[in-house]
PDB file of N, CA and C in Angstrom:
ATOM      1  N   MET A   1       4.263 102.344 -80.634  1.00  0.00           N
ATOM      2  CA  MET A   1       3.951 101.425 -81.011  1.00  0.00           C
ATOM      3  C   MET A   1       2.703 101.093 -81.268  1.00  0.00           C
ATOM      4  N   ASN A   2       2.464 100.144 -82.235  1.00  0.00           N
ATOM      5  CA  ASN A   2       1.530  99.583 -83.053  1.00  0.00           C
ATOM      6  C   ASN A   2       0.757  98.300 -82.161  1.00  0.00           C
ATOM      7  N   ILE A   3      -0.105  98.691 -81.437  1.00  0.00           N
ATOM      8  CA  ILE A   3      -0.788  97.259 -81.136  1.00  0.00           C
ATOM      9  C   ILE A   3      -2.391  96.695 -82.021  1.00  0.00           C
ATOM     10  N   THR A   4      -2.491  95.519 -82.306  1.00  0.00           N
ATOM     11  CA  THR A   4      -3.759  94.822 -82.730  1.00  0.00           C
ATOM     12  C   THR A   4      -4.232  94.137 -82.157  1.00  0.00           C
ATOM     13  N   TYR A   5      -5.380  93.306 -82.608  1.00  0.00           N
ATOM     14  CA  TYR A   5      -6.294  92.279 -82.179  1.00  0.00           C
ATOM     15  C   TYR A   5      -7.081  91.758 -83.044  1.00  0.00           C
ATOM     16  N   ASP A   6      -7.252  90.589 -83.082  1.00  0.00           N
ATOM     17  CA  ASP A   6      -9.049  90.209 -83.119  1.00  0.00           C
ATOM     18  C   ASP A   6     -10.246  91.372 -82.720  1.00  0.00           C
ATOM     19  N   PRO A   7     -10.524  91.099 -83.667  1.00  0.00           N
ATOM     20  CA  PRO A   7     -12.083  91.523 -83.473  1.00  0.00           C
ATOM     21  C   PRO A   7     -13.284  90.621 -83.037  1.00  0.00           C
ATOM     22  N   GLN A   8     -13.107  89.443 -83.089  1.00  0.00           N
ATOM     23  CA  GLN A   8     -13.808  88.343 -82.375  1.00  0.00           C
ATOM     24  C   GLN A   8     -13.864  88.454 -81.243  1.00  0.00           C
ATOM     25  N   LYS A   9     -11.950  88.401 -81.399  1.00  0.00           N
ATOM     26  CA  LYS A   9     -11.524  88.021 -79.752  1.00  0.00           C
ATOM     27  C   LYS A   9     -11.907  89.363 -78.691  1.00  0.00           C
ATOM     28  N   ASP A  10     -11.650  90.120 -79.358  1.00  0.00           N
ATOM     29  CA  ASP A  10     -11.812  91.418 -78.998  1.00  0.00           C
ATOM     30  C   ASP A  10     -13.169  91.606 -77.940  1.00  0.00           C
ATOM     31  N   LEU A  11     -14.569  91.269 -79.089  1.00  0.00           N
ATOM     32  CA  LEU A  11     -15.955  91.223 -78.874  1.00  0.00           C
ATOM     33  C   LEU A  11     -15.654  90.174 -77.794  1.00  0.00           C
ATOM     34  N   ARG A  12     -15.439  88.732 -77.657  1.00  0.00           N
ATOM     35  CA  ARG A  12     -14.743  88.022 -76.867  1.00  0.00           C
ATOM     36  C   ARG A  12     -14.576  88.454 -74.795  1.00  0.00           C
ATOM     37  N   ASN A  13     -13.297  89.373 -75.596  1.00  0.00           N
ATOM     38  CA  ASN A  13     -12.799  89.690 -74.358  1.00  0.00           C
ATOM     39  C   ASN A  13     -13.357  90.600 -73.047  1.00  0.00           C
ATOM     40  N   GLN A  14     -13.743  91.366 -73.980  1.00  0.00           N
ATOM     41  CA  GLN A  14     -15.176  92.532 -73.306  1.00  0.00           C
ATOM     42  C   GLN A  14     -16.141  92.237 -73.179  1.00  0.00           C
ATOM     43  N   THR A  15     -17.466  90.871 -73.587  1.00  0.00           N
ATOM     44  CA  THR A  15     -18.147  90.346 -73.098  1.00  0.00           C
ATOM     45  C   THR A  15     -17.495  89.032 -71.585  1.00  0.00           C
ATOM     46  N   GLU A  16     -16.584  89.206 -71.711  1.00  0.00           N
ATOM     47  CA  GLU A  16     -16.424  88.222 -70.390  1.00  0.00           C
ATOM     48  C   GLU A  16     -15.404  88.984 -69.606  1.00  0.00           C
ATOM     49  N   ARG A  17     -14.691  90.074 -69.553  1.00  0.00           N
ATOM     50  CA  ARG A  17     -13.804  90.318 -68.768  1.00  0.00           C
ATOM     51  C   ARG A  17     -14.054  92.066 -69.168  1.00  0.00           C
ATOM     52  N   GLY A  18     -15.171  92.418 -69.693  1.00  0.00           N
ATOM     53  CA  GLY A  18     -15.187  93.753 -69.146  1.00  0.00           C
ATOM     54  C   GLY A  18     -14.396  94.799 -69.870  1.00  0.00           C
ATOM     55  N   ILE A  19     -13.558  95.115 -70.491  1.00  0.00           N
ATOM     56  CA  ILE A  19     -12.100  95.091 -71.134  1.00  0.00           C
ATOM     57  C   ILE A  19     -12.090  95.197 -72.791  1.00  0.00           C
ATOM     58  N   SER A  20     -11.488  96.378 -73.050  1.00  0.00           N
ATOM     59  CA  SER A  20     -11.444  95.883 -74.763  1.00  0.00           C
ATOM     60  C   SER A  20      -9.902  95.714 -75.258  1.00  0.00           C
ATOM     61  N   LEU A  21      -9.334  94.591 -75.793  1.00  0.00           N
ATOM     62  CA  LEU A  21      -8.197  94.154 -75.903  1.00  0.00           C
ATOM     63  C   LEU A  21      -7.205  95.581 -76.559  1.00  0.00           C
ATOM     64  N   SER A  22      -7.896  96.476 -76.687  1.00  0.00           N
ATOM     65  CA  SER A  22      -7.850  98.089 -77.493  1.00  0.00           C
ATOM     66  C   SER A  22      -6.941  98.886 -76.232  1.00  0.00           C
ATOM     67  N   GLU A  23      -7.273  98.343 -74.872  1.00  0.00           N
ATOM     68  CA  GLU A  23      -7.179  99.702 -73.902  1.00  0.00           C
ATOM     69  C   GLU A  23      -5.118  98.946 -73.674  1.00  0.00           C
ATOM     70  N   ALA A  24      -5.105  97.588 -74.121  1.00  0.00           N
ATOM     71  CA  ALA A  24      -3.459  97.174 -73.812  1.00  0.00           C
ATOM     72  C   ALA A  24      -3.189  98.437 -74.262  1.00  0.00           C
ATOM     73  N   ALA A  25      -2.763 100.110 -75.291  1.00  0.00           N
ATOM     74  CA  ALA A  25      -2.353 100.626 -76.336  1.00  0.00           C
ATOM     75  C   ALA A  25      -2.083 101.340 -74.999  1.00  0.00           C
ATOM     76  N   ASN A  26      -2.856 101.379 -73.552  1.00  0.00           N
ATOM     77  CA  ASN A  26      -2.726 102.187 -72.196  1.00  0.00           C
ATOM     78  C   ASN A  26      -1.993 101.473 -71.097  1.00  0.00           C
ATOM     79  N   LEU A  27      -1.429 101.173 -71.513  1.00  0.00           N
ATOM     80  CA  LEU A  27      -0.638  99.921 -70.083  1.00  0.00           C
ATOM     81  C   LEU A  27       0.414 100.211 -70.784  1.00  0.00           C
ATOM     82  N   ASP A  28       1.217 100.731 -69.097  1.00  0.00           N
ATOM     83  CA  ASP A  28       3.025 101.217 -69.297  1.00  0.00           C
ATOM     84  C   ASP A  28       3.260 100.204 -69.030  1.00  0.00           C
ATOM     85  N   TRP A  29       3.874  99.690 -70.416  1.00  0.00           N
ATOM     86  CA  TRP A  29       4.412  99.055 -71.134  1.00  0.00           C
ATOM     87  C   TRP A  29       6.090  98.571 -70.484  1.00  0.00           C
ATOM     88  N   ASP A  30       6.731  99.748 -70.087  1.00  0.00           N
ATOM     89  CA  ASP A  30       8.046 100.116 -69.077  1.00  0.00           C
ATOM     90  C   ASP A  30       7.955  99.592 -67.328  1.00  0.00           C
ATOM     91  N   SER A  31       6.403  99.228 -67.750  1.00  0.00           N
ATOM     92  CA  SER A  31       6.563  98.647 -66.206  1.00  0.00           C
ATOM     93  C   SER A  31       6.324  97.012 -66.735  1.00  0.00           C
ATOM     94  N   TRP A  32       6.152  96.064 -67.828  1.00  0.00           N
ATOM     95  CA  TRP A  32       6.041  95.057 -67.884  1.00  0.00           C
ATOM     96  C   TRP A  32       6.863  94.354 -67.276  1.00  0.00           C
ATOM     97  N   LEU A  33       6.264  92.857 -66.794  1.00  0.00           N
ATOM     98  CA  LEU A  33       7.131  91.986 -66.222  1.00  0.00           C
ATOM     99  C   LEU A  33       6.588  90.485 -66.674  1.00  0.00           C
ATOM    100  N   GLY A  34       7.349  89.938 -67.003  1.00  0.00           N
ATOM    101  CA  GLY A  34       6.379  88.233 -67.841  1.00  0.00           C
ATOM    102  C   GLY A  34       7.949  87.481 -68.148  1.00  0.00           C
ATOM    103  N   ALA A  35       6.884  86.851 -69.380  1.00  0.00           N
ATOM    104  CA  ALA A  35       7.990  85.555 -69.493  1.00  0.00           C
ATOM    105  C   ALA A  35       7.191  84.735 -70.834  1.00  0.00           C
ATOM    106  N   GLU A  36       8.456  84.228 -72.144  1.00  0.00           N
ATOM    107  CA  GLU A  36       7.814  83.846 -72.664  1.00  0.00           C
ATOM    108  C   GLU A  36       6.212  82.392 -71.964  1.00  0.00           C
ATOM    109  N   ASP A  37       5.348  82.534 -72.565  1.00  0.00           N
ATOM    110  CA  ASP A  37       4.151  81.459 -72.537  1.00  0.00           C
ATOM    111  C   ASP A  37       4.689  80.145 -73.008  1.00  0.00           C
ATOM    112  N   VAL A  38       5.330  79.371 -72.145  1.00  0.00           N
ATOM    113  CA  VAL A  38       5.709  77.865 -72.271  1.00  0.00           C
ATOM    114  C   VAL A  38       4.003  76.654 -72.182  1.00  0.00           C
ATOM    115  N   ARG A  39       3.960  77.273 -71.594  1.00  0.00           N
ATOM    116  CA  ARG A  39       2.214  76.140 -71.461  1.00  0.00           C
ATOM    117  C   ARG A  39       2.307  75.133 -72.497  1.00  0.00           C
ATOM    118  N   ARG A  40       1.904  75.697 -73.797  1.00  0.00           N
ATOM    119  CA  ARG A  40       1.580  75.001 -74.578  1.00  0.00           C
ATOM    120  C   ARG A  40       1.774  75.214 -75.505  1.00  0.00           C
ATOM    121  N   ASP A  41       1.794  74.663 -77.105  1.00  0.00           N
ATOM    122  CA  ASP A  41       2.459  74.788 -78.020  1.00  0.00           C
ATOM    123  C   ASP A  41       1.735  75.305 -79.208  1.00  0.00           C
ATOM    124  N   TYR A  42       1.109  76.717 -79.200  1.00  0.00           N
ATOM    125  CA  TYR A  42       0.995  77.997 -79.504  1.00  0.00           C
ATOM    126  C   TYR A  42       0.700  78.150 -81.688  1.00  0.00           C
ATOM    127  N   GLY A  43       1.792  77.753 -81.669  1.00  0.00           N
ATOM    128  CA  GLY A  43       2.214  77.589 -82.553  1.00  0.00           C
ATOM    129  C   GLY A  43       2.984  79.799 -83.195  1.00  0.00           C
ATOM    130  N   GLU A  44       3.405  80.012 -81.993  1.00  0.00           N
ATOM    131  CA  GLU A  44       3.563  81.270 -82.407  1.00  0.00           C
ATOM    132  C   GLU A  44       4.240  81.506 -81.030  1.00  0.00           C
ATOM    133  N   VAL A  45       4.937  82.576 -80.241  1.00  0.00           N
ATOM    134  CA  VAL A  45       6.057  82.861 -79.870  1.00  0.00           C
ATOM    135  C   VAL A  45       4.971  83.653 -78.599  1.00  0.00           C
ATOM    136  N   ARG A  46       4.377  83.856 -77.490  1.00  0.00           N
ATOM    137  CA  ARG A  46       3.925  83.693 -76.636  1.00  0.00           C
ATOM    138  C   ARG A  46       3.774  84.213 -75.740  1.00  0.00           C
ATOM    139  N   TYR A  47       3.724  85.841 -74.839  1.00  0.00           N
ATOM    140  CA  TYR A  47       4.524  86.551 -73.374  1.00  0.00           C
ATOM    141  C   TYR A  47       3.129  86.383 -72.782  1.00  0.00           C
ATOM    142  N   ARG A  48       3.115  86.250 -71.917  1.00  0.00           N
ATOM    143  CA  ARG A  48       2.768  86.038 -70.958  1.00  0.00           C
ATOM    144  C   ARG A  48       2.741  87.376 -69.973  1.00  0.00           C
ATOM    145  N   GLY A  49       2.624  88.505 -69.443  1.00  0.00           N
ATOM    146  CA  GLY A  49       3.144  88.791 -67.593  1.00  0.00           C
ATOM    147  C   GLY A  49       2.079  89.950 -67.563  1.00  0.00           C
ATOM    148  N   TYR A  50       2.750  91.505 -66.810  1.00  0.00           N
ATOM    149  CA  TYR A  50       1.615  92.001 -65.836  1.00  0.00           C
ATOM    150  C   TYR A  50       2.335  94.024 -66.633  1.00  0.00           C
ATOM    151  N   ALA A  51       0.911  94.556 -66.342  1.00  0.00           N
ATOM    152  CA  ALA A  51       2.051  95.706 -66.301  1.00  0.00           C
ATOM    153  C   ALA A  51       0.290  96.615 -66.088  1.00  0.00           C
ATOM    154  N   ILE A  52       1.204  97.630 -65.525  1.00  0.00           N
ATOM    155  CA  ILE A  52       0.162  98.548 -64.706  1.00  0.00           C
ATOM    156  C   ILE A  52      -0.277  99.511 -65.838  1.00  0.00           C
ATOM    157  N   MET A  53      -1.996  99.538 -65.892  1.00  0.00           N
ATOM    158  CA  MET A  53      -2.763 100.601 -66.485  1.00  0.00           C
ATOM    159  C   MET A  53      -2.998 102.210 -65.589  1.00  0.00           C
ATOM    160  N   PRO A  54      -1.714 103.598 -65.581  1.00  0.00           N
ATOM    161  CA  PRO A  54      -1.758 104.375 -64.507  1.00  0.00           C
ATOM    162  C   PRO A  54      -2.836 104.863 -65.443  1.00  0.00           C
ATOM    163  N   ALA A  55      -3.970 104.992 -65.776  1.00  0.00           N
ATOM    164  CA  ALA A  55      -5.176 105.963 -65.740  1.00  0.00           C
ATOM    165  C   ALA A  55      -5.808 105.355 -64.291  1.00  0.00           C
ATOM    166  N   GLU A  56      -5.526 103.806 -64.136  1.00  0.00           N
ATOM    167  CA  GLU A  56      -6.879 103.697 -63.237  1.00  0.00           C
ATOM    168  C   GLU A  56      -5.534 102.808 -61.906  1.00  0.00           C
ATOM    169  N   ASN A  57      -4.311 103.256 -62.284  1.00  0.00           N
ATOM    170  CA  ASN A  57      -3.297 102.813 -61.103  1.00  0.00           C
ATOM    171  C   ASN A  57      -3.265 101.489 -60.647  1.00  0.00           C
ATOM    172  N   ARG A  58      -3.739 100.472 -61.729  1.00  0.00           N
ATOM    173  CA  ARG A  58      -3.761  99.342 -61.597  1.00  0.00           C
ATOM    174  C   ARG A  58      -2.958  98.160 -62.207  1.00  0.00           C
ATOM    175  N   LEU A  59      -3.273  96.829 -62.118  1.00  0.00           N
ATOM    176  CA  LEU A  59      -2.212  96.238 -62.626  1.00  0.00           C
ATOM    177  C   LEU A  59      -3.037  94.908 -63.231  1.00  0.00           C
ATOM    178  N   TYR A  60      -2.350  95.012 -64.718  1.00  0.00           N
ATOM    179  CA  TYR A  60      -3.665  94.044 -65.705  1.00  0.00           C
ATOM    180  C   TYR A  60      -2.278  92.856 -66.332  1.00  0.00           C
ATOM    181  N   CYS A  61      -3.082  91.881 -66.589  1.00  0.00           N
ATOM    182  CA  CYS A  61      -2.633  90.715 -66.994  1.00  0.00           C
ATOM    183  C   CYS A  61      -2.713  90.267 -68.457  1.00  0.00           C
ATOM    184  N   VAL A  62      -1.603  90.900 -68.946  1.00  0.00           N
ATOM    185  CA  VAL A  62      -1.190  90.453 -70.404  1.00  0.00           C
ATOM    186  C   VAL A  62      -1.147  89.634 -71.378  1.00  0.00           C
ATOM    187  N   VAL A  63      -1.393  88.704 -73.120  1.00  0.00           N
ATOM    188  CA  VAL A  63      -1.141  88.035 -73.128  1.00  0.00           C
ATOM    189  C   VAL A  63      -0.756  88.421 -74.374  1.00  0.00           C
ATOM    190  N   HIS A  64       0.938  88.814 -74.805  1.00  0.00           N
ATOM    191  CA  HIS A  64       0.502  89.001 -76.363  1.00  0.00           C
ATOM    192  C   HIS A  64       1.760  87.945 -77.472  1.00  0.00           C
ATOM    193  N   THR A  65       2.050  88.837 -78.839  1.00  0.00           N
ATOM    194  CA  THR A  65       2.630  88.076 -79.740  1.00  0.00           C
ATOM    195  C   THR A  65       3.076  89.305 -80.440  1.00  0.00           C
ATOM    196  N   HIS A  66       4.441  88.648 -80.814  1.00  0.00           N
ATOM    197  CA  HIS A  66       4.761  90.205 -81.725  1.00  0.00           C
ATOM    198  C   HIS A  66       5.442  89.273 -83.437  1.00  0.00           C
ATOM    199  N   ARG A  67       3.787  90.344 -83.881  1.00  0.00           N
ATOM    200  CA  ARG A  67       3.749  90.005 -85.430  1.00  0.00           C
ATOM    201  C   ARG A  67       4.328  91.889 -86.888  1.00  0.00           C
ATOM    202  N   GLU A  68       4.909  90.937 -87.243  1.00  0.00           N
ATOM    203  CA  GLU A  68       6.090  92.182 -87.753  1.00  0.00           C
ATOM    204  C   GLU A  68       6.676  93.515 -86.782  1.00  0.00           C
ATOM    205  N   ASP A  69       6.037  93.992 -87.797  1.00  0.00           N
ATOM    206  CA  ASP A  69       5.957  95.670 -86.426  1.00  0.00           C
ATOM    207  C   ASP A  69       4.844  96.183 -85.527  1.00  0.00           C
ATOM    208  N   ALA A  70       4.351  94.888 -85.358  1.00  0.00           N
ATOM    209  CA  ALA A  70       3.423  95.189 -84.399  1.00  0.00           C
ATOM    210  C   ALA A  70       3.477  94.438 -82.616  1.00  0.00           C
ATOM    211  N   ILE A  71       2.823  94.351 -81.889  1.00  0.00           N
ATOM    212  CA  ILE A  71       2.069  93.617 -80.728  1.00  0.00           C
ATOM    213  C   ILE A  71       0.816  93.593 -81.141  1.00  0.00           C
ATOM    214  N   ARG A  72       0.342  91.788 -81.227  1.00  0.00           N
ATOM    215  CA  ARG A  72      -0.122  91.771 -81.060  1.00  0.00           C
ATOM    216  C   ARG A  72      -1.694  90.540 -79.696  1.00  0.00           C
ATOM    217  N   ILE A  73      -2.143  91.478 -79.416  1.00  0.00           N
ATOM    218  CA  ILE A  73      -2.773  91.314 -77.908  1.00  0.00           C
ATOM    219  C   ILE A  73      -4.134  90.244 -78.423  1.00  0.00           C
ATOM    220  N   ILE A  74      -3.412  89.107 -77.685  1.00  0.00           N
ATOM    221  CA  ILE A  74      -4.510  87.771 -77.166  1.00  0.00           C
ATOM    222  C   ILE A  74      -5.581  88.267 -75.967  1.00  0.00           C
ATOM    223  N   SER A  75      -5.157  88.766 -75.057  1.00  0.00           N
ATOM    224  CA  SER A  75      -5.784  88.594 -73.534  1.00  0.00           C
ATOM    225  C   SER A  75      -5.030  89.987 -72.702  1.00  0.00           C
ATOM    226  N   LEU A  76      -6.374  90.367 -72.253  1.00  0.00           N
ATOM    227  CA  LEU A  76      -6.202  91.603 -71.417  1.00  0.00           C
ATOM    228  C   LEU A  76      -7.311  91.259 -70.203  1.00  0.00           C
ATOM    229  N   ARG A  77      -7.089  91.394 -69.320  1.00  0.00           N
ATOM    230  CA  ARG A  77      -7.885  91.075 -67.488  1.00  0.00           C
ATOM    231  C   ARG A  77      -6.708  91.391 -66.750  1.00  0.00           C
ATOM    232  N   LYS A  78      -7.767  92.501 -65.440  1.00  0.00           N
ATOM    233  CA  LYS A  78      -7.732  93.388 -64.258  1.00  0.00           C
ATOM    234  C   LYS A  78      -6.757  91.253 -63.639  1.00  0.00           C
ATOM    235  N   ALA A  79      -5.475  92.005 -62.681  1.00  0.00           N
ATOM    236  CA  ALA A  79      -4.796  90.840 -62.257  1.00  0.00           C
ATOM    237  C   ALA A  79      -5.627  90.445 -61.132  1.00  0.00           C
ATOM    238  N   ASN A  80      -5.125  89.324 -60.993  1.00  0.00           N
ATOM    239  CA  ASN A  80      -5.668  88.986 -58.853  1.00  0.00           C
ATOM    240  C   ASN A  80      -4.875  89.363 -57.693  1.00  0.00           C
ATOM    241  N   SER A  81      -5.249  89.572 -57.036  1.00  0.00           N
ATOM    242  CA  SER A  81      -4.524  89.344 -55.840  1.00  0.00           C
ATOM    243  C   SER A  81      -3.385  89.055 -55.718  1.00  0.00           C
ATOM    244  N   ARG A  82      -2.860  87.571 -55.930  1.00  0.00           N
ATOM    245  CA  ARG A  82      -1.974  87.096 -56.472  1.00  0.00           C
ATOM    246  C   ARG A  82      -1.207  87.399 -56.836  1.00  0.00           C
ATOM    247  N   GLU A  83      -1.462  87.373 -58.268  1.00  0.00           N
ATOM    248  CA  GLU A  83      -0.261  88.005 -59.543  1.00  0.00           C
ATOM    249  C   GLU A  83       0.119  89.320 -59.063  1.00  0.00           C
ATOM    250  N   VAL A  84      -1.116  90.639 -57.931  1.00  0.00           N
ATOM    251  CA  VAL A  84      -0.187  91.604 -58.218  1.00  0.00           C
ATOM    252  C   VAL A  84       0.948  91.522 -56.336  1.00  0.00           C
ATOM    253  N   ALA A  85       0.207  90.861 -55.622  1.00  0.00           N
ATOM    254  CA  ALA A  85       1.982  89.912 -54.918  1.00  0.00           C
ATOM    255  C   ALA A  85       2.891  90.081 -55.525  1.00  0.00           C
ATOM    256  N   LEU A  86       1.879  88.779 -56.596  1.00  0.00           N
ATOM    257  CA  LEU A  86       3.536  88.464 -56.758  1.00  0.00           C
ATOM    258  C   LEU A  86       3.809  89.551 -58.020  1.00  0.00           C
ATOM    259  N   TYR A  87       3.997  89.943 -58.184  1.00  0.00           N
ATOM    260  CA  TYR A  87       4.587  91.159 -58.957  1.00  0.00           C
ATOM    261  C   TYR A  87       5.275  91.639 -58.430  1.00  0.00           C
ATOM    262  N   GLU A  88       4.413  92.685 -57.196  1.00  0.00           N
ATOM    263  CA  GLU A  88       5.259  93.591 -56.155  1.00  0.00           C
ATOM    264  C   GLU A  88       6.412  92.884 -56.247  1.00  0.00           C
ATOM    265  N   ALA A  89       6.468  91.825 -55.580  1.00  0.00           N
ATOM    266  CA  ALA A  89       6.888  90.841 -54.971  1.00  0.00           C
ATOM    267  C   ALA A  89       8.444  90.786 -55.490  1.00  0.00           C
ATOM    268  N   THR A  90       8.271  90.737 -56.965  1.00  0.00           N
ATOM    269  CA  THR A  90       9.123  90.388 -58.134  1.00  0.00           C
ATOM    270  C   THR A  90      10.067  91.859 -58.237  1.00  0.00           C
ATOM    271  N   LYS A  91       9.225  93.020 -58.324  1.00  0.00           N
ATOM    272  CA  LYS A  91       9.660  94.342 -58.691  1.00  0.00           C
ATOM    273  C   LYS A  91      10.696  94.780 -57.750  1.00  0.00           C
ATOM    274  N   GLN A  92      10.515  94.366 -56.903  1.00  0.00           N
ATOM    275  CA  GLN A  92      11.233  94.330 -55.330  1.00  0.00           C
ATOM    276  C   GLN A  92      12.807  94.598 -55.410  1.00  0.00           C
ATOM    277  N   THR A  93      12.546  92.745 -55.526  1.00  0.00           N
ATOM    278  CA  THR A  93      14.221  92.433 -56.063  1.00  0.00           C
ATOM    279  C   THR A  93      14.674  92.753 -57.917  1.00  0.00           C
ATOM    280  N   THR A  94      14.087  93.099 -58.347  1.00  0.00           N
ATOM    281  CA  THR A  94      14.856  93.608 -60.019  1.00  0.00           C
ATOM    282  C   THR A  94      15.394  95.057 -59.820  1.00  0.00           C
TER     283      THR A  94
END
């Protein structure tokens, strides 16, 4: 899987959230659960969802889009407790 990201956004994500966007390559994308982000018009189709980081056994929130043959990461952060509960409840029903 080809993961790309904007280097400036990566620096900002590291500063604000303590994680590099490059870490998205380590997510278990088979565990991803999410949908298209339609909260506003981004000028492109964006997806917001959650996936497990196996090395930490921790859920992360990831926002991404598809560009050519790559997944372009826009944002990555640890999921909060409310998001973890929703993810677990949704996974149990699917």
